Amino acid sequence: TLTVTQGRASFDSVTRVLLWDIGKIDPTKLPGCKGSIALQ
């Protein structure tokens, strides 16, 4: 479960791949991604 300050983030539960598409980086406001991980 993810919260990002820039771009889009998604998690594919089949392939287990987390993808964070940020785009262009603004040096004055660095992109961040925080979240929790659920385990079996």
All heavy atoms as atom14 arrays in JSON, in Angstrom:
{
  "sequence": "TLTVTQGRASFDSVTRVLLWDIGKIDPTKLPGCKGSIALQ",
  "atom14_mask": [
    [1, 1, 1, 1, 1, 1, 1, 0, 0, 0, 0, 0, 0, 0],
    [1, 1, 1, 1, 1, 1, 1, 1, 0, 0, 0, 0, 0, 0],
    [1, 1, 1, 1, 1, 1, 1, 0, 0, 0, 0, 0, 0, 0],
    [1, 1, 1, 1, 1, 1, 1, 0, 0, 0, 0, 0, 0, 0],
    [1, 1, 1, 1, 1, 1, 1, 0, 0, 0, 0, 0, 0, 0],
    [1, 1, 1, 1, 1, 1, 1, 1, 1, 0, 0, 0, 0, 0],
    [1, 1, 1, 1, 0, 0, 0, 0, 0, 0, 0, 0, 0, 0],
    [1, 1, 1, 1, 1, 1, 1, 1, 1, 1, 1, 0, 0, 0],
    [1, 1, 1, 1, 1, 0, 0, 0, 0, 0, 0, 0, 0, 0],
    [1, 1, 1, 1, 1, 1, 0, 0, 0, 0, 0, 0, 0, 0],
    [1, 1, 1, 1, 1, 1, 1, 1, 1, 1, 1, 0, 0, 0],
    [1, 1, 1, 1, 1, 1, 1, 1, 0, 0, 0, 0, 0, 0],
    [1, 1, 1, 1, 1, 1, 0, 0, 0, 0, 0, 0, 0, 0],
    [1, 1, 1, 1, 1, 1, 1, 0, 0, 0, 0, 0, 0, 0],
    [1, 1, 1, 1, 1, 1, 1, 0, 0, 0, 0, 0, 0, 0],
    [1, 1, 1, 1, 1, 1, 1, 1, 1, 1, 1, 0, 0, 0],
    [1, 1, 1, 1, 1, 1, 1, 0, 0, 0, 0, 0, 0, 0],
    [1, 1, 1, 1, 1, 1, 1, 1, 0, 0, 0, 0, 0, 0],
    [1, 1, 1, 1, 1, 1, 1, 1, 0, 0, 0, 0, 0, 0],
    [1, 1, 1, 1, 1, 1, 1, 1, 1, 1, 1, 1, 1, 1],
    [1, 1, 1, 1, 1, 1, 1, 1, 0, 0, 0, 0, 0, 0],
    [1, 1, 1, 1, 1, 1, 1, 1, 0, 0, 0, 0, 0, 0],
    [1, 1, 1, 1, 0, 0, 0, 0, 0, 0, 0, 0, 0, 0],
    [1, 1, 1, 1, 1, 1, 1, 1, 1, 0, 0, 0, 0, 0],
    [1, 1, 1, 1, 1, 1, 1, 1, 0, 0, 0, 0, 0, 0],
    [1, 1, 1, 1, 1, 1, 1, 1, 0, 0, 0, 0, 0, 0],
    [1, 1, 1, 1, 1, 1, 1, 0, 0, 0, 0, 0, 0, 0],
    [1, 1, 1, 1, 1, 1, 1, 0, 0, 0, 0, 0, 0, 0],
    [1, 1, 1, 1, 1, 1, 1, 1, 1, 0, 0, 0, 0, 0],
    [1, 1, 1, 1, 1, 1, 1, 1, 0, 0, 0, 0, 0, 0],
    [1, 1, 1, 1, 1, 1, 1, 0, 0, 0, 0, 0, 0, 0],
    [1, 1, 1, 1, 0, 0, 0, 0, 0, 0, 0, 0, 0, 0],
    [1, 1, 1, 1, 1, 1, 0, 0, 0, 0, 0, 0, 0, 0],
    [1, 1, 1, 1, 1, 1, 1, 1, 1, 0, 0, 0, 0, 0],
    [1, 1, 1, 1, 0, 0, 0, 0, 0, 0, 0, 0, 0, 0],
    [1, 1, 1, 1, 1, 1, 0, 0, 0, 0, 0, 0, 0, 0],
    [1, 1, 1, 1, 1, 1, 1, 1, 0, 0, 0, 0, 0, 0],
    [1, 1, 1, 1, 1, 0, 0, 0, 0, 0, 0, 0, 0, 0],
    [1, 1, 1, 1, 1, 1, 1, 1, 0, 0, 0, 0, 0, 0],
    [1, 1, 1, 1, 1, 1, 1, 1, 1, 0, 0, 0, 0, 0]
  ],
  "atom14_positions": [
    [[0.86, -1.18, 0.0], [0.0, 0.0, 0.0], [0.9, 1.23, 0.0], [1.65, 1.46, 0.95], [-0.9, 0.01, 1.25], [-1.6, -1.25, 1.31], [-1.92, 1.12, 1.17], [0.0, 0.0, 0.0], [0.0, 0.0, 0.0], [0.0, 0.0, 0.0], [0.0, 0.0, 0.0], [0.0, 0.0, 0.0], [0.0, 0.0, 0.0], [0.0, 0.0, 0.0]],
    [[0.83, 2.01, -1.09], [1.84, 3.04, -1.32], [1.25, 4.44, -1.4], [0.14, 4.63, -1.92], [2.59, 2.74, -2.63], [3.21, 1.35, -2.75], [3.59, 1.04, -4.17], [4.42, 1.24, -1.84], [0.0, 0.0, 0.0], [0.0, 0.0, 0.0], [0.0, 0.0, 0.0], [0.0, 0.0, 0.0], [0.0, 0.0, 0.0], [0.0, 0.0, 0.0]],
    [[2.01, 5.41, -0.91], [1.68, 6.82, -1.07], [2.9, 7.52, -1.67], [4.0, 7.4, -1.12], [1.34, 7.48, 0.29], [0.28, 6.74, 0.91], [0.9, 8.92, 0.1], [0.0, 0.0, 0.0], [0.0, 0.0, 0.0], [0.0, 0.0, 0.0], [0.0, 0.0, 0.0], [0.0, 0.0, 0.0], [0.0, 0.0, 0.0], [0.0, 0.0, 0.0]],
    [[2.71, 8.22, -2.8], [3.84, 8.87, -3.47], [3.61, 10.38, -3.52], [2.48, 10.86, -3.57], [4.04, 8.33, -4.91], [4.42, 6.86, -4.88], [2.81, 8.54, -5.77], [0.0, 0.0, 0.0], [0.0, 0.0, 0.0], [0.0, 0.0, 0.0], [0.0, 0.0, 0.0], [0.0, 0.0, 0.0], [0.0, 0.0, 0.0], [0.0, 0.0, 0.0]],
    [[4.72, 11.14, -3.5], [4.63, 12.6, -3.61], [4.68, 13.04, -5.06], [4.4, 14.2, -5.36], [5.77, 13.27, -2.84], [7.02, 12.84, -3.39], [5.72, 12.91, -1.37], [0.0, 0.0, 0.0], [0.0, 0.0, 0.0], [0.0, 0.0, 0.0], [0.0, 0.0, 0.0], [0.0, 0.0, 0.0], [0.0, 0.0, 0.0], [0.0, 0.0, 0.0]],
    [[5.05, 12.12, -5.96], [5.12, 12.45, -7.38], [4.96, 11.18, -8.22], [5.46, 10.12, -7.84], [6.46, 13.12, -7.7], [6.59, 13.59, -9.15], [7.96, 14.21, -9.42], [8.54, 14.84, -8.55], [8.47, 14.04, -10.61], [0.0, 0.0, 0.0], [0.0, 0.0, 0.0], [0.0, 0.0, 0.0], [0.0, 0.0, 0.0], [0.0, 0.0, 0.0]],
    [[4.28, 11.3, -9.35], [4.14, 10.17, -10.27], [3.05, 9.19, -9.84], [2.15, 9.52, -9.07], [0.0, 0.0, 0.0], [0.0, 0.0, 0.0], [0.0, 0.0, 0.0], [0.0, 0.0, 0.0], [0.0, 0.0, 0.0], [0.0, 0.0, 0.0], [0.0, 0.0, 0.0], [0.0, 0.0, 0.0], [0.0, 0.0, 0.0], [0.0, 0.0, 0.0]],
    [[3.19, 7.95, -10.34], [2.21, 6.9, -10.05], [2.95, 5.65, -9.6], [3.97, 5.28, -10.19], [1.39, 6.55, -11.3], [0.53, 7.68, -11.83], [-0.35, 7.22, -13.0], [0.4, 6.49, -14.0], [1.09, 7.09, -14.98], [1.14, 8.41, -15.05], [1.74, 6.37, -15.88], [0.0, 0.0, 0.0], [0.0, 0.0, 0.0], [0.0, 0.0, 0.0]],
    [[2.41, 4.98, -8.58], [2.99, 3.72, -8.1], [1.93, 2.64, -8.11], [0.76, 2.89, -7.81], [3.55, 3.89, -6.69], [0.0, 0.0, 0.0], [0.0, 0.0, 0.0], [0.0, 0.0, 0.0], [0.0, 0.0, 0.0], [0.0, 0.0, 0.0], [0.0, 0.0, 0.0], [0.0, 0.0, 0.0], [0.0, 0.0, 0.0], [0.0, 0.0, 0.0]],
    [[2.35, 1.43, -8.47], [1.42, 0.29, -8.5], [2.17, -0.98, -8.12], [3.39, -1.07, -8.26], [0.81, 0.13, -9.9], [1.82, -0.13, -10.85], [0.0, 0.0, 0.0], [0.0, 0.0, 0.0], [0.0, 0.0, 0.0], [0.0, 0.0, 0.0], [0.0, 0.0, 0.0], [0.0, 0.0, 0.0], [0.0, 0.0, 0.0], [0.0, 0.0, 0.0]],
    [[1.4, -1.95, -7.61], [1.97, -3.25, -7.25], [1.16, -4.34, -7.92], [-0.06, -4.39, -7.76], [1.99, -3.45, -5.73], [2.54, -4.78, -5.3], [3.91, -5.02, -5.36], [1.71, -5.8, -4.87], [4.43, -6.25, -4.98], [2.21, -7.03, -4.48], [3.59, -7.25, -4.55], [0.0, 0.0, 0.0], [0.0, 0.0, 0.0], [0.0, 0.0, 0.0]],
    [[1.84, -5.19, -8.68], [1.18, -6.31, -9.35], [1.31, -7.54, -8.45], [2.4, -8.06, -8.25], [1.84, -6.57, -10.71], [1.08, -7.58, -11.54], [0.55, -8.56, -10.98], [1.01, -7.4, -12.78], [0.0, 0.0, 0.0], [0.0, 0.0, 0.0], [0.0, 0.0, 0.0], [0.0, 0.0, 0.0], [0.0, 0.0, 0.0], [0.0, 0.0, 0.0]],
    [[0.18, -8.01, -7.91], [0.21, -9.11, -6.94], [0.54, -10.47, -7.59], [0.88, -11.41, -6.89], [-1.13, -9.2, -6.21], [-2.19, -9.35, -7.14], [0.0, 0.0, 0.0], [0.0, 0.0, 0.0], [0.0, 0.0, 0.0], [0.0, 0.0, 0.0], [0.0, 0.0, 0.0], [0.0, 0.0, 0.0], [0.0, 0.0, 0.0], [0.0, 0.0, 0.0]],
    [[0.45, -10.53, -8.92], [0.78, -11.78, -9.62], [2.29, -11.88, -9.85], [2.93, -12.87, -9.5], [0.03, -11.88, -10.98], [0.43, -13.15, -11.71], [-1.48, -11.84, -10.75], [0.0, 0.0, 0.0], [0.0, 0.0, 0.0], [0.0, 0.0, 0.0], [0.0, 0.0, 0.0], [0.0, 0.0, 0.0], [0.0, 0.0, 0.0], [0.0, 0.0, 0.0]],
    [[2.87, -10.83, -10.44], [4.32, -10.85, -10.73], [5.16, -10.39, -9.55], [6.38, -10.52, -9.56], [4.63, -9.95, -11.95], [4.23, -8.6, -11.63], [3.88, -10.42, -13.18], [0.0, 0.0, 0.0], [0.0, 0.0, 0.0], [0.0, 0.0, 0.0], [0.0, 0.0, 0.0], [0.0, 0.0, 0.0], [0.0, 0.0, 0.0], [0.0, 0.0, 0.0]],
    [[4.51, -9.81, -8.5], [5.19, -9.25, -7.32], [6.09, -8.06, -7.68], [7.07, -7.81, -7.0], [6.03, -10.31, -6.59], [5.3, -11.57, -6.18], [4.33, -11.32, -5.05], [4.01, -12.5, -4.29], [3.09, -13.41, -4.65], [2.45, -13.26, -5.79], [2.83, -14.45, -3.89], [0.0, 0.0, 0.0], [0.0, 0.0, 0.0], [0.0, 0.0, 0.0]],
    [[5.75, -7.35, -8.75], [6.57, -6.22, -9.19], [5.92, -4.9, -8.76], [4.76, -4.64, -9.04], [6.76, -6.22, -10.73], [7.43, -4.93, -11.19], [7.6, -7.42, -11.15], [0.0, 0.0, 0.0], [0.0, 0.0, 0.0], [0.0, 0.0, 0.0], [0.0, 0.0, 0.0], [0.0, 0.0, 0.0], [0.0, 0.0, 0.0], [0.0, 0.0, 0.0]],
    [[6.72, -4.1, -8.05], [6.31, -2.75, -7.67], [6.88, -1.78, -8.71], [8.09, -1.79, -8.97], [6.84, -2.41, -6.28], [6.39, -1.11, -5.61], [6.59, -1.24, -4.1], [7.15, 0.1, -6.11], [0.0, 0.0, 0.0], [0.0, 0.0, 0.0], [0.0, 0.0, 0.0], [0.0, 0.0, 0.0], [0.0, 0.0, 0.0], [0.0, 0.0, 0.0]],
    [[6.02, -0.99, -9.32], [6.44, -0.06, -10.36], [6.1, 1.37, -9.92], [4.97, 1.67, -9.57], [5.71, -0.38, -11.67], [6.35, 0.13, -12.97], [7.68, -0.54, -13.22], [5.41, -0.12, -14.15], [0.0, 0.0, 0.0], [0.0, 0.0, 0.0], [0.0, 0.0, 0.0], [0.0, 0.0, 0.0], [0.0, 0.0, 0.0], [0.0, 0.0, 0.0]],
    [[7.12, 2.23, -9.93], [6.92, 3.64, -9.58], [7.39, 4.5, -10.75], [8.59, 4.6, -11.0], [7.69, 3.98, -8.31], [7.54, 5.4, -7.84], [6.56, 6.3, -8.18], [8.41, 6.09, -6.92], [6.77, 7.5, -7.55], [7.89, 7.4, -6.76], [9.57, 5.73, -6.23], [8.51, 8.35, -5.95], [10.17, 6.67, -5.41], [9.64, 7.96, -5.27]],
    [[6.44, 5.06, -11.48], [6.73, 5.9, -12.63], [6.77, 7.36, -12.17], [5.73, 7.95, -11.9], [5.66, 5.69, -13.71], [6.02, 6.36, -15.03], [6.88, 7.26, -15.02], [5.45, 5.98, -16.07], [0.0, 0.0, 0.0], [0.0, 0.0, 0.0], [0.0, 0.0, 0.0], [0.0, 0.0, 0.0], [0.0, 0.0, 0.0], [0.0, 0.0, 0.0]],
    [[7.96, 7.93, -12.07], [8.13, 9.27, -11.49], [8.05, 10.36, -12.56], [7.44, 11.4, -12.36], [9.48, 9.36, -10.75], [9.51, 8.37, -9.58], [9.74, 10.78, -10.25], [10.87, 8.21, -8.95], [0.0, 0.0, 0.0], [0.0, 0.0, 0.0], [0.0, 0.0, 0.0], [0.0, 0.0, 0.0], [0.0, 0.0, 0.0], [0.0, 0.0, 0.0]],
    [[8.68, 10.12, -13.7], [8.74, 11.16, -14.73], [9.95, 12.05, -14.52], [11.06, 11.58, -14.3], [0.0, 0.0, 0.0], [0.0, 0.0, 0.0], [0.0, 0.0, 0.0], [0.0, 0.0, 0.0], [0.0, 0.0, 0.0], [0.0, 0.0, 0.0], [0.0, 0.0, 0.0], [0.0, 0.0, 0.0], [0.0, 0.0, 0.0], [0.0, 0.0, 0.0]],
    [[9.74, 13.37, -14.52], [10.84, 14.34, -14.39], [11.06, 14.69, -12.93], [10.11, 14.87, -12.17], [10.48, 15.61, -15.19], [11.6, 16.64, -15.28], [11.12, 17.92, -15.93], [10.75, 17.71, -17.38], [10.43, 19.01, -18.06], [0.0, 0.0, 0.0], [0.0, 0.0, 0.0], [0.0, 0.0, 0.0], [0.0, 0.0, 0.0], [0.0, 0.0, 0.0]],
    [[12.34, 14.76, -12.51], [12.66, 15.08, -11.12], [12.85, 16.58, -10.95], [13.64, 17.2, -11.66], [13.93, 14.34, -10.66], [13.67, 12.83, -10.57], [14.4, 14.86, -9.3], [14.84, 12.03, -10.09], [0.0, 0.0, 0.0], [0.0, 0.0, 0.0], [0.0, 0.0, 0.0], [0.0, 0.0, 0.0], [0.0, 0.0, 0.0], [0.0, 0.0, 0.0]],
    [[12.13, 17.15, -9.99], [12.32, 18.55, -9.61], [13.29, 18.57, -8.42], [12.96, 18.07, -7.34], [10.97, 19.16, -9.2], [11.09, 20.61, -8.75], [12.22, 21.15, -8.77], [10.07, 21.21, -8.38], [0.0, 0.0, 0.0], [0.0, 0.0, 0.0], [0.0, 0.0, 0.0], [0.0, 0.0, 0.0], [0.0, 0.0, 0.0], [0.0, 0.0, 0.0]],
    [[14.52, 19.13, -8.62], [15.53, 19.08, -7.55], [15.11, 19.8, -6.27], [15.62, 19.51, -5.19], [16.75, 19.79, -8.17], [16.5, 19.82, -9.63], [15.02, 19.82, -9.82], [0.0, 0.0, 0.0], [0.0, 0.0, 0.0], [0.0, 0.0, 0.0], [0.0, 0.0, 0.0], [0.0, 0.0, 0.0], [0.0, 0.0, 0.0], [0.0, 0.0, 0.0]],
    [[14.15, 20.74, -6.36], [13.72, 21.47, -5.17], [12.72, 20.68, -4.32], [12.5, 20.99, -3.17], [13.07, 22.81, -5.57], [11.9, 22.55, -6.38], [14.04, 23.68, -6.35], [0.0, 0.0, 0.0], [0.0, 0.0, 0.0], [0.0, 0.0, 0.0], [0.0, 0.0, 0.0], [0.0, 0.0, 0.0], [0.0, 0.0, 0.0], [0.0, 0.0, 0.0]],
    [[12.12, 19.64, -4.92], [11.14, 18.83, -4.19], [11.32, 17.38, -4.63], [10.72, 16.93, -5.61], [9.73, 19.32, -4.48], [8.66, 18.66, -3.62], [7.28, 19.13, -4.03], [6.21, 18.39, -3.24], [4.85, 18.68, -3.73], [0.0, 0.0, 0.0], [0.0, 0.0, 0.0], [0.0, 0.0, 0.0], [0.0, 0.0, 0.0], [0.0, 0.0, 0.0]],
    [[12.16, 16.64, -3.92], [12.52, 15.29, -4.34], [11.34, 14.32, -4.18], [10.63, 14.36, -3.18], [13.71, 14.78, -3.52], [15.0, 15.6, -3.65], [16.1, 15.0, -2.8], [15.44, 15.68, -5.11], [0.0, 0.0, 0.0], [0.0, 0.0, 0.0], [0.0, 0.0, 0.0], [0.0, 0.0, 0.0], [0.0, 0.0, 0.0], [0.0, 0.0, 0.0]],
    [[11.11, 13.47, -5.18], [10.01, 12.51, -5.1], [10.24, 11.45, -4.02], [11.36, 10.96, -3.87], [9.98, 11.87, -6.5], [11.25, 12.24, -7.16], [11.83, 13.41, -6.46], [0.0, 0.0, 0.0], [0.0, 0.0, 0.0], [0.0, 0.0, 0.0], [0.0, 0.0, 0.0], [0.0, 0.0, 0.0], [0.0, 0.0, 0.0], [0.0, 0.0, 0.0]],
    [[9.18, 11.12, -3.3], [9.25, 10.11, -2.25], [8.13, 9.11, -2.38], [7.07, 9.4, -2.94], [0.0, 0.0, 0.0], [0.0, 0.0, 0.0], [0.0, 0.0, 0.0], [0.0, 0.0, 0.0], [0.0, 0.0, 0.0], [0.0, 0.0, 0.0], [0.0, 0.0, 0.0], [0.0, 0.0, 0.0], [0.0, 0.0, 0.0], [0.0, 0.0, 0.0]],
    [[8.37, 7.91, -1.86], [7.36, 6.85, -1.87], [7.41, 6.14, -0.53], [8.46, 5.62, -0.13], [7.65, 5.88, -3.02], [6.55, 4.43, -3.07], [0.0, 0.0, 0.0], [0.0, 0.0, 0.0], [0.0, 0.0, 0.0], [0.0, 0.0, 0.0], [0.0, 0.0, 0.0], [0.0, 0.0, 0.0], [0.0, 0.0, 0.0], [0.0, 0.0, 0.0]],
    [[6.28, 6.15, 0.2], [6.19, 5.45, 1.48], [5.04, 4.46, 1.43], [4.08, 4.66, 0.69], [5.95, 6.45, 2.62], [7.14, 7.31, 2.95], [6.85, 8.16, 4.18], [8.1, 8.98, 4.54], [7.9, 9.77, 5.77], [0.0, 0.0, 0.0], [0.0, 0.0, 0.0], [0.0, 0.0, 0.0], [0.0, 0.0, 0.0], [0.0, 0.0, 0.0]],
    [[5.15, 3.42, 2.23], [4.04, 2.47, 2.24], [4.26, 1.32, 3.19], [5.32, 1.17, 3.81], [0.0, 0.0, 0.0], [0.0, 0.0, 0.0], [0.0, 0.0, 0.0], [0.0, 0.0, 0.0], [0.0, 0.0, 0.0], [0.0, 0.0, 0.0], [0.0, 0.0, 0.0], [0.0, 0.0, 0.0], [0.0, 0.0, 0.0], [0.0, 0.0, 0.0]],
    [[3.22, 0.5, 3.29], [3.29, -0.7, 4.13], [3.27, -1.94, 3.24], [2.74, -1.92, 2.13], [2.1, -0.73, 5.1], [0.89, -0.7, 4.37], [0.0, 0.0, 0.0], [0.0, 0.0, 0.0], [0.0, 0.0, 0.0], [0.0, 0.0, 0.0], [0.0, 0.0, 0.0], [0.0, 0.0, 0.0], [0.0, 0.0, 0.0], [0.0, 0.0, 0.0]],
    [[3.87, -3.01, 3.75], [3.99, -4.26, 3.0], [3.23, -5.35, 3.76], [3.44, -5.54, 4.96], [5.47, -4.66, 2.84], [6.26, -3.55, 2.14], [5.6, -5.97, 2.07], [7.77, -3.72, 2.2], [0.0, 0.0, 0.0], [0.0, 0.0, 0.0], [0.0, 0.0, 0.0], [0.0, 0.0, 0.0], [0.0, 0.0, 0.0], [0.0, 0.0, 0.0]],
    [[2.35, -6.05, 3.04], [1.6, -7.17, 3.65], [2.26, -8.48, 3.24], [2.5, -8.73, 2.05], [0.15, -7.14, 3.18], [0.0, 0.0, 0.0], [0.0, 0.0, 0.0], [0.0, 0.0, 0.0], [0.0, 0.0, 0.0], [0.0, 0.0, 0.0], [0.0, 0.0, 0.0], [0.0, 0.0, 0.0], [0.0, 0.0, 0.0], [0.0, 0.0, 0.0]],
    [[2.57, -9.31, 4.24], [3.19, -10.62, 3.98], [2.18, -11.74, 4.19], [1.2, -11.59, 4.92], [4.38, -10.84, 4.93], [5.62, -9.96, 4.74], [6.6, -10.22, 5.87], [6.28, -10.23, 3.41], [0.0, 0.0, 0.0], [0.0, 0.0, 0.0], [0.0, 0.0, 0.0], [0.0, 0.0, 0.0], [0.0, 0.0, 0.0], [0.0, 0.0, 0.0]],
    [[2.44, -12.88, 3.55], [1.61, -14.07, 3.78], [1.75, -14.5, 5.24], [2.85, -14.48, 5.8], [2.07, -15.21, 2.87], [1.79, -14.98, 1.39], [2.39, -16.07, 0.52], [3.02, -17.0, 1.03], [2.21, -15.95, -0.78], [0.0, 0.0, 0.0], [0.0, 0.0, 0.0], [0.0, 0.0, 0.0], [0.0, 0.0, 0.0], [0.0, 0.0, 0.0]]
  ]
}
